[in-house]
N, C-alpha and C. Protein backbone atom coordinates (compact mmCIF):
# COMPACT_ATOMS: atom_id res chain seq x y z
N UNK A 1 2.06 0.56 -20.20
CA UNK A 1 1.71 0.35 -18.81
C UNK A 1 2.10 1.62 -18.05
N UNK A 2 1.09 2.28 -17.48
CA UNK A 2 1.34 3.52 -16.72
C UNK A 2 0.61 3.48 -15.40
N UNK A 3 1.25 4.06 -14.41
CA UNK A 3 0.64 4.21 -13.09
C UNK A 3 0.34 5.69 -12.88
N UNK A 4 -0.53 5.95 -11.94
CA UNK A 4 -0.87 7.33 -11.59
C UNK A 4 -1.17 7.41 -10.11
N UNK A 5 -1.13 8.62 -9.57
CA UNK A 5 -1.51 8.79 -8.18
C UNK A 5 -3.02 8.63 -8.06
N UNK A 6 -3.44 8.00 -7.00
CA UNK A 6 -4.86 7.77 -6.76
C UNK A 6 -5.57 9.07 -6.42
N UNK A 7 -6.86 9.08 -6.67
CA UNK A 7 -7.73 10.17 -6.23
C UNK A 7 -8.78 9.56 -5.30
N UNK A 8 -9.53 10.40 -4.65
CA UNK A 8 -10.59 9.90 -3.76
C UNK A 8 -11.62 9.07 -4.53
N UNK A 9 -11.77 9.36 -5.83
CA UNK A 9 -12.70 8.58 -6.65
C UNK A 9 -12.27 7.13 -6.79
N UNK A 10 -11.01 6.82 -6.51
CA UNK A 10 -10.49 5.46 -6.60
C UNK A 10 -10.70 4.66 -5.31
N UNK A 11 -11.24 5.27 -4.29
CA UNK A 11 -11.31 4.65 -2.97
C UNK A 11 -11.95 3.26 -3.00
N UNK A 12 -13.10 3.13 -3.61
CA UNK A 12 -13.80 1.84 -3.62
C UNK A 12 -12.95 0.75 -4.27
N UNK A 13 -12.30 1.07 -5.37
CA UNK A 13 -11.47 0.09 -6.07
C UNK A 13 -10.21 -0.24 -5.29
N UNK A 14 -9.60 0.74 -4.65
CA UNK A 14 -8.40 0.48 -3.86
C UNK A 14 -8.74 -0.47 -2.71
N UNK A 15 -9.85 -0.23 -2.05
CA UNK A 15 -10.27 -1.11 -0.95
C UNK A 15 -10.62 -2.50 -1.48
N UNK A 16 -11.22 -2.58 -2.66
CA UNK A 16 -11.52 -3.89 -3.27
C UNK A 16 -10.23 -4.67 -3.51
N UNK A 17 -9.22 -4.00 -4.06
CA UNK A 17 -7.94 -4.67 -4.29
C UNK A 17 -7.26 -5.04 -2.98
N UNK A 18 -7.36 -4.17 -1.97
CA UNK A 18 -6.79 -4.50 -0.66
C UNK A 18 -7.44 -5.77 -0.11
N UNK A 19 -8.73 -5.91 -0.31
CA UNK A 19 -9.43 -7.11 0.16
C UNK A 19 -8.89 -8.36 -0.55
N UNK A 20 -8.60 -8.24 -1.85
CA UNK A 20 -8.02 -9.36 -2.59
C UNK A 20 -6.67 -9.72 -2.00
N UNK A 21 -5.87 -8.69 -1.66
CA UNK A 21 -4.56 -8.93 -1.05
C UNK A 21 -4.72 -9.67 0.27
N UNK A 22 -5.64 -9.21 1.12
CA UNK A 22 -5.83 -9.86 2.42
C UNK A 22 -6.31 -11.30 2.24
N UNK A 23 -7.20 -11.54 1.30
CA UNK A 23 -7.68 -12.90 1.05
C UNK A 23 -6.52 -13.80 0.62
N UNK A 24 -5.60 -13.28 -0.21
CA UNK A 24 -4.46 -14.10 -0.65
C UNK A 24 -3.51 -14.39 0.51
N UNK A 25 -3.61 -13.63 1.60
CA UNK A 25 -2.81 -13.86 2.79
C UNK A 25 -3.53 -14.75 3.80
N UNK A 26 -4.73 -15.19 3.43
CA UNK A 26 -5.49 -16.08 4.31
C UNK A 26 -6.38 -15.35 5.31
N UNK A 27 -6.57 -14.05 5.13
CA UNK A 27 -7.43 -13.29 6.04
C UNK A 27 -8.80 -13.11 5.41
N UNK A 28 -9.82 -13.16 6.22
CA UNK A 28 -11.19 -12.97 5.75
C UNK A 28 -11.48 -11.48 5.69
N UNK A 29 -11.64 -10.97 4.49
CA UNK A 29 -11.85 -9.53 4.32
C UNK A 29 -13.30 -9.19 3.97
N UNK A 30 -14.22 -10.11 4.22
CA UNK A 30 -15.62 -9.87 3.87
C UNK A 30 -16.36 -9.02 4.89
N UNK A 31 -15.73 -8.67 6.00
CA UNK A 31 -16.37 -7.88 7.05
C UNK A 31 -16.72 -6.49 6.52
N UNK A 32 -18.01 -6.14 6.44
CA UNK A 32 -18.38 -4.83 5.92
C UNK A 32 -17.90 -3.67 6.80
N UNK A 33 -17.69 -3.92 8.09
CA UNK A 33 -17.19 -2.87 8.97
C UNK A 33 -15.76 -2.51 8.56
N UNK A 34 -14.92 -3.55 8.31
CA UNK A 34 -13.55 -3.29 7.86
C UNK A 34 -13.58 -2.48 6.57
N UNK A 35 -14.35 -2.91 5.60
CA UNK A 35 -14.37 -2.24 4.30
C UNK A 35 -14.82 -0.80 4.43
N UNK A 36 -15.84 -0.56 5.24
CA UNK A 36 -16.34 0.81 5.43
C UNK A 36 -15.28 1.68 6.09
N UNK A 37 -14.67 1.18 7.16
CA UNK A 37 -13.64 1.95 7.86
C UNK A 37 -12.41 2.18 6.98
N UNK A 38 -12.04 1.17 6.21
CA UNK A 38 -10.90 1.31 5.31
C UNK A 38 -11.17 2.40 4.27
N UNK A 39 -12.36 2.39 3.70
CA UNK A 39 -12.73 3.40 2.70
C UNK A 39 -12.77 4.79 3.31
N UNK A 40 -13.36 4.91 4.48
CA UNK A 40 -13.43 6.21 5.15
C UNK A 40 -12.04 6.75 5.46
N UNK A 41 -11.19 5.91 6.01
CA UNK A 41 -9.84 6.35 6.38
C UNK A 41 -9.01 6.70 5.15
N UNK A 42 -9.05 5.84 4.15
CA UNK A 42 -8.30 6.09 2.93
C UNK A 42 -8.75 7.40 2.28
N UNK A 43 -10.05 7.56 2.12
CA UNK A 43 -10.57 8.76 1.48
C UNK A 43 -10.25 10.04 2.24
N UNK A 44 -10.32 9.97 3.56
CA UNK A 44 -10.06 11.16 4.38
C UNK A 44 -8.58 11.51 4.43
N UNK A 45 -7.72 10.51 4.37
CA UNK A 45 -6.28 10.74 4.58
C UNK A 45 -5.47 10.86 3.29
N UNK A 46 -6.04 10.45 2.16
CA UNK A 46 -5.32 10.51 0.90
C UNK A 46 -4.88 11.95 0.63
N UNK A 47 -3.58 12.10 0.35
CA UNK A 47 -3.05 13.43 0.09
C UNK A 47 -2.54 14.14 1.33
N UNK A 48 -2.75 13.54 2.50
CA UNK A 48 -2.20 14.11 3.74
C UNK A 48 -1.06 13.21 4.19
N UNK A 49 -1.36 12.23 5.03
CA UNK A 49 -0.32 11.28 5.46
C UNK A 49 -0.39 9.97 4.68
N UNK A 50 -1.26 9.88 3.70
CA UNK A 50 -1.39 8.70 2.84
C UNK A 50 -1.25 9.12 1.38
N UNK A 51 -0.44 8.35 0.65
CA UNK A 51 -0.36 8.52 -0.80
C UNK A 51 -0.54 7.14 -1.41
N UNK A 52 -1.20 7.10 -2.55
CA UNK A 52 -1.44 5.81 -3.21
C UNK A 52 -1.18 5.95 -4.70
N UNK A 53 -0.79 4.84 -5.29
CA UNK A 53 -0.55 4.75 -6.73
C UNK A 53 -1.44 3.63 -7.26
N UNK A 54 -2.04 3.86 -8.41
CA UNK A 54 -2.94 2.88 -9.01
C UNK A 54 -2.60 2.67 -10.48
N UNK A 55 -3.03 1.53 -11.00
CA UNK A 55 -2.91 1.23 -12.42
C UNK A 55 -4.32 0.89 -12.91
N UNK A 56 -4.77 1.64 -13.90
CA UNK A 56 -6.09 1.40 -14.47
C UNK A 56 -6.08 0.13 -15.31
N UNK A 57 -7.21 -0.56 -15.31
CA UNK A 57 -7.38 -1.77 -16.11
C UNK A 57 -7.76 -1.34 -17.52
N UNK A 58 -6.83 -1.42 -18.44
CA UNK A 58 -7.08 -0.99 -19.82
C UNK A 58 -8.17 -1.82 -20.49
N UNK A 59 -8.25 -3.10 -20.11
CA UNK A 59 -9.26 -3.98 -20.69
C UNK A 59 -10.67 -3.52 -20.33
N UNK A 60 -10.80 -2.88 -19.17
CA UNK A 60 -12.12 -2.43 -18.73
C UNK A 60 -12.47 -1.07 -19.30
N UNK A 61 -11.56 -0.46 -20.01
CA UNK A 61 -11.81 0.84 -20.61
C UNK A 61 -11.14 1.94 -19.83
N UNK A 62 -11.27 3.19 -20.31
CA UNK A 62 -10.66 4.32 -19.62
C UNK A 62 -11.15 4.44 -18.19
N UNK A 63 -10.27 4.93 -17.32
CA UNK A 63 -10.62 5.05 -15.90
C UNK A 63 -11.88 5.87 -15.70
N UNK A 64 -12.05 6.92 -16.50
CA UNK A 64 -13.23 7.75 -16.33
C UNK A 64 -14.52 7.00 -16.66
N UNK A 65 -14.42 5.97 -17.53
CA UNK A 65 -15.60 5.23 -17.92
C UNK A 65 -15.91 4.09 -16.94
N UNK A 66 -14.88 3.35 -16.54
CA UNK A 66 -15.16 2.16 -15.73
C UNK A 66 -14.73 2.29 -14.28
N UNK A 67 -13.63 3.00 -14.04
CA UNK A 67 -13.10 3.12 -12.69
C UNK A 67 -12.42 1.87 -12.19
N UNK A 68 -12.31 0.83 -13.01
CA UNK A 68 -11.71 -0.43 -12.57
C UNK A 68 -10.19 -0.31 -12.54
N UNK A 69 -9.61 -0.79 -11.43
CA UNK A 69 -8.17 -0.79 -11.26
C UNK A 69 -7.64 -2.21 -11.33
N UNK A 70 -6.41 -2.35 -11.81
CA UNK A 70 -5.78 -3.66 -11.89
C UNK A 70 -4.71 -3.84 -10.82
N UNK A 71 -4.19 -2.72 -10.29
CA UNK A 71 -3.15 -2.79 -9.25
C UNK A 71 -3.14 -1.50 -8.46
N UNK A 72 -2.64 -1.60 -7.23
CA UNK A 72 -2.53 -0.41 -6.39
C UNK A 72 -1.51 -0.65 -5.28
N UNK A 73 -1.14 0.42 -4.63
CA UNK A 73 -0.29 0.37 -3.45
C UNK A 73 -0.44 1.68 -2.71
N UNK A 74 -0.28 1.65 -1.42
CA UNK A 74 -0.42 2.86 -0.61
C UNK A 74 0.72 2.92 0.40
N UNK A 75 1.11 4.14 0.74
CA UNK A 75 2.12 4.35 1.77
C UNK A 75 1.56 5.35 2.78
N UNK A 76 1.80 5.05 4.05
CA UNK A 76 1.41 5.93 5.14
C UNK A 76 2.68 6.53 5.70
N UNK A 77 2.73 7.84 5.84
CA UNK A 77 3.91 8.52 6.36
C UNK A 77 3.62 8.97 7.79
N UNK A 78 4.55 8.65 8.67
CA UNK A 78 4.40 9.10 10.06
C UNK A 78 5.71 9.73 10.52
N UNK A 79 5.64 10.44 11.60
CA UNK A 79 6.84 11.05 12.16
C UNK A 79 7.14 10.40 13.49
N UNK A 80 8.29 9.78 13.55
CA UNK A 80 8.77 9.16 14.78
C UNK A 80 9.78 10.09 15.42
N UNK A 81 10.28 9.70 16.55
CA UNK A 81 11.35 10.47 17.17
C UNK A 81 12.60 10.38 16.29
N UNK A 82 13.39 11.45 16.21
CA UNK A 82 14.59 11.42 15.38
C UNK A 82 15.59 10.35 15.85
N UNK A 83 16.33 9.83 14.89
CA UNK A 83 17.41 8.87 15.17
C UNK A 83 18.65 9.34 14.42
N UNK A 84 19.82 8.78 14.74
CA UNK A 84 21.03 9.18 14.02
C UNK A 84 20.94 8.98 12.50
N UNK A 85 20.25 7.92 12.06
CA UNK A 85 20.14 7.69 10.62
C UNK A 85 18.87 8.29 10.01
N UNK A 86 18.07 8.95 10.83
CA UNK A 86 16.86 9.62 10.34
C UNK A 86 16.57 10.82 11.24
N UNK A 87 17.36 11.88 11.13
CA UNK A 87 17.21 13.04 12.02
C UNK A 87 15.84 13.72 11.91
N UNK A 88 15.17 13.58 10.77
CA UNK A 88 13.85 14.18 10.61
C UNK A 88 12.73 13.32 11.18
N UNK A 89 13.01 12.05 11.39
CA UNK A 89 12.03 11.15 11.98
C UNK A 89 10.93 10.68 11.06
N UNK A 90 10.92 11.10 9.79
CA UNK A 90 9.84 10.69 8.87
C UNK A 90 10.07 9.26 8.38
N UNK A 91 9.03 8.45 8.47
CA UNK A 91 9.09 7.05 8.07
C UNK A 91 7.84 6.72 7.27
N UNK A 92 8.01 5.92 6.22
CA UNK A 92 6.88 5.45 5.44
C UNK A 92 6.63 3.98 5.71
N UNK A 93 5.36 3.61 5.64
CA UNK A 93 4.99 2.20 5.76
C UNK A 93 4.10 1.85 4.57
N UNK A 94 4.56 0.92 3.75
CA UNK A 94 3.81 0.53 2.55
C UNK A 94 2.73 -0.47 2.93
N UNK A 95 1.52 -0.19 2.49
CA UNK A 95 0.37 -1.07 2.73
C UNK A 95 -0.38 -1.31 1.42
N UNK A 96 -1.14 -2.34 1.42
CA UNK A 96 -2.12 -2.59 0.37
C UNK A 96 -1.53 -2.68 -1.04
N UNK A 97 -0.36 -3.25 -1.19
CA UNK A 97 0.14 -3.51 -2.54
C UNK A 97 -0.63 -4.72 -3.05
N UNK A 98 -1.39 -4.50 -4.10
CA UNK A 98 -2.28 -5.56 -4.58
C UNK A 98 -2.41 -5.50 -6.10
N UNK A 99 -2.50 -6.67 -6.68
CA UNK A 99 -2.70 -6.81 -8.13
C UNK A 99 -3.77 -7.86 -8.35
N UNK A 100 -4.63 -7.61 -9.33
CA UNK A 100 -5.63 -8.62 -9.70
C UNK A 100 -4.90 -9.95 -9.92
N UNK A 101 -5.45 -11.05 -9.42
CA UNK A 101 -4.76 -12.34 -9.55
C UNK A 101 -4.33 -12.71 -10.97
N UNK A 102 -5.18 -12.44 -11.96
CA UNK A 102 -4.82 -12.82 -13.33
C UNK A 102 -3.84 -11.85 -14.00
N UNK A 103 -3.45 -10.80 -13.29
CA UNK A 103 -2.50 -9.82 -13.83
C UNK A 103 -1.18 -9.80 -13.05
N UNK A 104 -0.98 -10.79 -12.19
CA UNK A 104 0.25 -10.83 -11.39
C UNK A 104 1.43 -11.27 -12.26
N UNK A 105 2.63 -10.87 -11.82
CA UNK A 105 3.89 -11.20 -12.48
C UNK A 105 4.02 -10.53 -13.85
N UNK A 106 3.33 -9.39 -14.02
CA UNK A 106 3.43 -8.63 -15.27
C UNK A 106 4.08 -7.26 -15.06
N UNK A 107 4.55 -7.00 -13.85
CA UNK A 107 5.26 -5.75 -13.58
C UNK A 107 4.44 -4.64 -12.97
N UNK A 108 3.16 -4.88 -12.71
CA UNK A 108 2.32 -3.81 -12.16
C UNK A 108 2.74 -3.43 -10.74
N UNK A 109 3.02 -4.40 -9.89
CA UNK A 109 3.43 -4.10 -8.51
C UNK A 109 4.78 -3.37 -8.50
N UNK A 110 5.68 -3.75 -9.39
CA UNK A 110 6.97 -3.06 -9.49
C UNK A 110 6.76 -1.61 -9.86
N UNK A 111 5.92 -1.37 -10.83
CA UNK A 111 5.60 -0.01 -11.26
C UNK A 111 5.02 0.82 -10.12
N UNK A 112 4.07 0.23 -9.40
CA UNK A 112 3.45 0.91 -8.27
C UNK A 112 4.48 1.22 -7.19
N UNK A 113 5.29 0.24 -6.84
CA UNK A 113 6.29 0.43 -5.79
C UNK A 113 7.32 1.48 -6.17
N UNK A 114 7.81 1.46 -7.40
CA UNK A 114 8.80 2.46 -7.81
C UNK A 114 8.23 3.87 -7.71
N UNK A 115 6.99 4.04 -8.10
CA UNK A 115 6.38 5.36 -8.02
C UNK A 115 6.17 5.79 -6.56
N UNK A 116 5.76 4.86 -5.71
CA UNK A 116 5.60 5.18 -4.28
C UNK A 116 6.94 5.56 -3.66
N UNK A 117 8.00 4.80 -3.97
CA UNK A 117 9.31 5.09 -3.40
C UNK A 117 9.88 6.41 -3.91
N UNK A 118 9.64 6.71 -5.17
CA UNK A 118 10.07 8.00 -5.71
C UNK A 118 9.35 9.14 -4.98
N UNK A 119 8.05 8.97 -4.76
CA UNK A 119 7.28 9.98 -4.03
C UNK A 119 7.84 10.15 -2.61
N UNK A 120 8.16 9.04 -1.94
CA UNK A 120 8.73 9.12 -0.59
C UNK A 120 10.04 9.90 -0.61
N UNK A 121 10.89 9.63 -1.59
CA UNK A 121 12.14 10.38 -1.70
C UNK A 121 11.88 11.87 -1.85
N UNK A 122 10.94 12.23 -2.71
CA UNK A 122 10.61 13.64 -2.94
C UNK A 122 10.04 14.30 -1.68
N UNK A 123 9.39 13.53 -0.82
CA UNK A 123 8.78 14.07 0.40
C UNK A 123 9.74 14.07 1.59
N UNK A 124 10.99 13.64 1.38
CA UNK A 124 11.95 13.59 2.47
C UNK A 124 11.68 12.48 3.46
N UNK A 125 11.22 11.34 2.96
CA UNK A 125 10.96 10.17 3.79
C UNK A 125 12.07 9.16 3.49
N UNK A 126 13.14 9.15 4.32
CA UNK A 126 14.30 8.32 3.99
C UNK A 126 14.17 6.84 4.33
N UNK A 127 13.24 6.50 5.20
CA UNK A 127 13.07 5.11 5.61
C UNK A 127 11.66 4.67 5.25
N UNK A 128 11.58 3.55 4.53
CA UNK A 128 10.29 2.99 4.16
C UNK A 128 10.31 1.53 4.58
N UNK A 129 9.25 1.14 5.28
CA UNK A 129 9.13 -0.22 5.79
C UNK A 129 7.91 -0.90 5.18
N UNK A 130 7.90 -2.22 5.25
CA UNK A 130 6.74 -2.99 4.80
C UNK A 130 6.83 -4.38 5.39
N UNK A 131 5.76 -5.10 5.28
CA UNK A 131 5.73 -6.52 5.60
C UNK A 131 5.51 -7.25 4.28
N UNK A 132 6.35 -8.23 4.01
CA UNK A 132 6.27 -8.94 2.74
C UNK A 132 5.76 -10.35 2.93
N UNK A 133 4.93 -10.77 2.00
CA UNK A 133 4.59 -12.19 1.92
C UNK A 133 5.76 -12.89 1.23
N UNK A 134 5.83 -14.20 1.35
CA UNK A 134 6.90 -14.91 0.63
C UNK A 134 6.87 -14.63 -0.88
N UNK A 135 5.67 -14.46 -1.45
CA UNK A 135 5.55 -14.17 -2.88
C UNK A 135 6.09 -12.79 -3.22
N UNK A 136 5.99 -11.83 -2.28
CA UNK A 136 6.43 -10.47 -2.54
C UNK A 136 7.89 -10.20 -2.24
N UNK A 137 8.52 -11.09 -1.49
CA UNK A 137 9.91 -10.85 -1.08
C UNK A 137 10.87 -10.60 -2.25
N UNK A 138 10.81 -11.35 -3.34
CA UNK A 138 11.74 -11.07 -4.44
C UNK A 138 11.58 -9.65 -5.00
N UNK A 139 10.36 -9.20 -5.16
CA UNK A 139 10.12 -7.84 -5.65
C UNK A 139 10.72 -6.82 -4.70
N UNK A 140 10.39 -6.93 -3.42
CA UNK A 140 10.85 -5.93 -2.46
C UNK A 140 12.37 -5.98 -2.31
N UNK A 141 12.95 -7.16 -2.35
CA UNK A 141 14.40 -7.29 -2.30
C UNK A 141 15.06 -6.59 -3.48
N UNK A 142 14.45 -6.69 -4.66
CA UNK A 142 15.01 -6.06 -5.86
C UNK A 142 14.95 -4.54 -5.78
N UNK A 143 14.10 -4.02 -4.91
CA UNK A 143 13.96 -2.57 -4.73
C UNK A 143 14.76 -2.05 -3.54
N UNK A 144 15.58 -2.93 -2.93
CA UNK A 144 16.45 -2.49 -1.85
C UNK A 144 15.97 -2.78 -0.45
N UNK A 145 14.83 -3.43 -0.30
CA UNK A 145 14.33 -3.77 1.03
C UNK A 145 15.08 -4.99 1.56
N UNK A 146 15.32 -5.01 2.85
CA UNK A 146 15.97 -6.14 3.47
C UNK A 146 15.92 -6.00 4.98
N UNK A 147 16.45 -6.97 5.66
CA UNK A 147 16.51 -6.94 7.11
C UNK A 147 17.55 -5.91 7.53
N UNK A 148 17.20 -5.10 8.51
CA UNK A 148 18.11 -4.07 8.99
C UNK A 148 17.86 -3.87 10.48
N UNK A 149 18.91 -3.73 11.23
CA UNK A 149 18.77 -3.44 12.65
C UNK A 149 18.27 -4.65 13.42
N UNK A 150 17.54 -4.38 14.47
CA UNK A 150 17.01 -5.44 15.33
C UNK A 150 15.87 -6.20 14.68
N UNK A 151 15.41 -7.18 15.37
CA UNK A 151 14.30 -8.00 14.89
C UNK A 151 12.99 -7.25 15.11
N UNK A 152 12.21 -7.14 14.06
CA UNK A 152 10.90 -6.52 14.19
C UNK A 152 9.99 -7.45 15.00
N UNK A 153 9.31 -6.90 15.96
CA UNK A 153 8.41 -7.69 16.81
C UNK A 153 7.06 -6.96 16.88
N UNK A 154 6.02 -7.71 17.19
CA UNK A 154 4.69 -7.12 17.24
C UNK A 154 3.91 -7.77 18.37
N UNK A 155 3.08 -6.98 19.01
CA UNK A 155 2.15 -7.47 20.03
C UNK A 155 0.75 -7.16 19.55
N UNK A 156 -0.12 -8.11 19.64
CA UNK A 156 -1.52 -7.90 19.28
C UNK A 156 -2.39 -8.15 20.51
N UNK A 157 -3.36 -7.31 20.68
CA UNK A 157 -4.31 -7.49 21.78
C UNK A 157 -5.57 -8.13 21.16
N UNK A 158 -5.50 -9.43 20.94
CA UNK A 158 -6.58 -10.15 20.27
C UNK A 158 -7.91 -10.09 21.00
N UNK A 159 -7.85 -10.09 22.32
CA UNK A 159 -9.09 -10.14 23.10
C UNK A 159 -9.65 -8.76 23.43
N UNK A 160 -9.02 -7.72 22.92
CA UNK A 160 -9.46 -6.37 23.21
C UNK A 160 -10.28 -5.85 22.05
N UNK A 161 -11.42 -5.27 22.37
CA UNK A 161 -12.23 -4.67 21.31
C UNK A 161 -11.97 -3.18 21.30
N UNK A 162 -11.75 -2.65 20.10
CA UNK A 162 -11.50 -1.25 19.94
C UNK A 162 -12.68 -0.62 19.20
N UNK A 163 -12.95 0.63 19.47
CA UNK A 163 -14.09 1.28 18.80
C UNK A 163 -13.89 1.42 17.31
């Protein structure tokens, strides 16, 4: 079982797996506008402020032949204002950790996450955040994630349309 860094050629499969993740969270990911924008953004940003790790589906054949992925994860790096515990201000946010449903609980997400976190360490990103589903909490907890500081809060502008 090996993971690798994603390339732009993996974009379609990464977005497909992200859609599976969103569906498992109860979100409708069939919107073609979402999929198109996700693919455009991922492809344009990969290797800049986005890094992704993928696992090829060995059953489907070599990646060059099929392009099918069995698992993936992506991290977005941003720069916030410096803080006492993060003077450089660099923060990572893990998104789109997804595994094919029939391949879950086999270690693929752990492999992806470890490689993403190692990459963050190498890039000088000392703080990495994510949102966990109840199913993902044990994995993330085993990798050192937990509640820290104040309560995370979010505001959504549901009635606002954005371009």
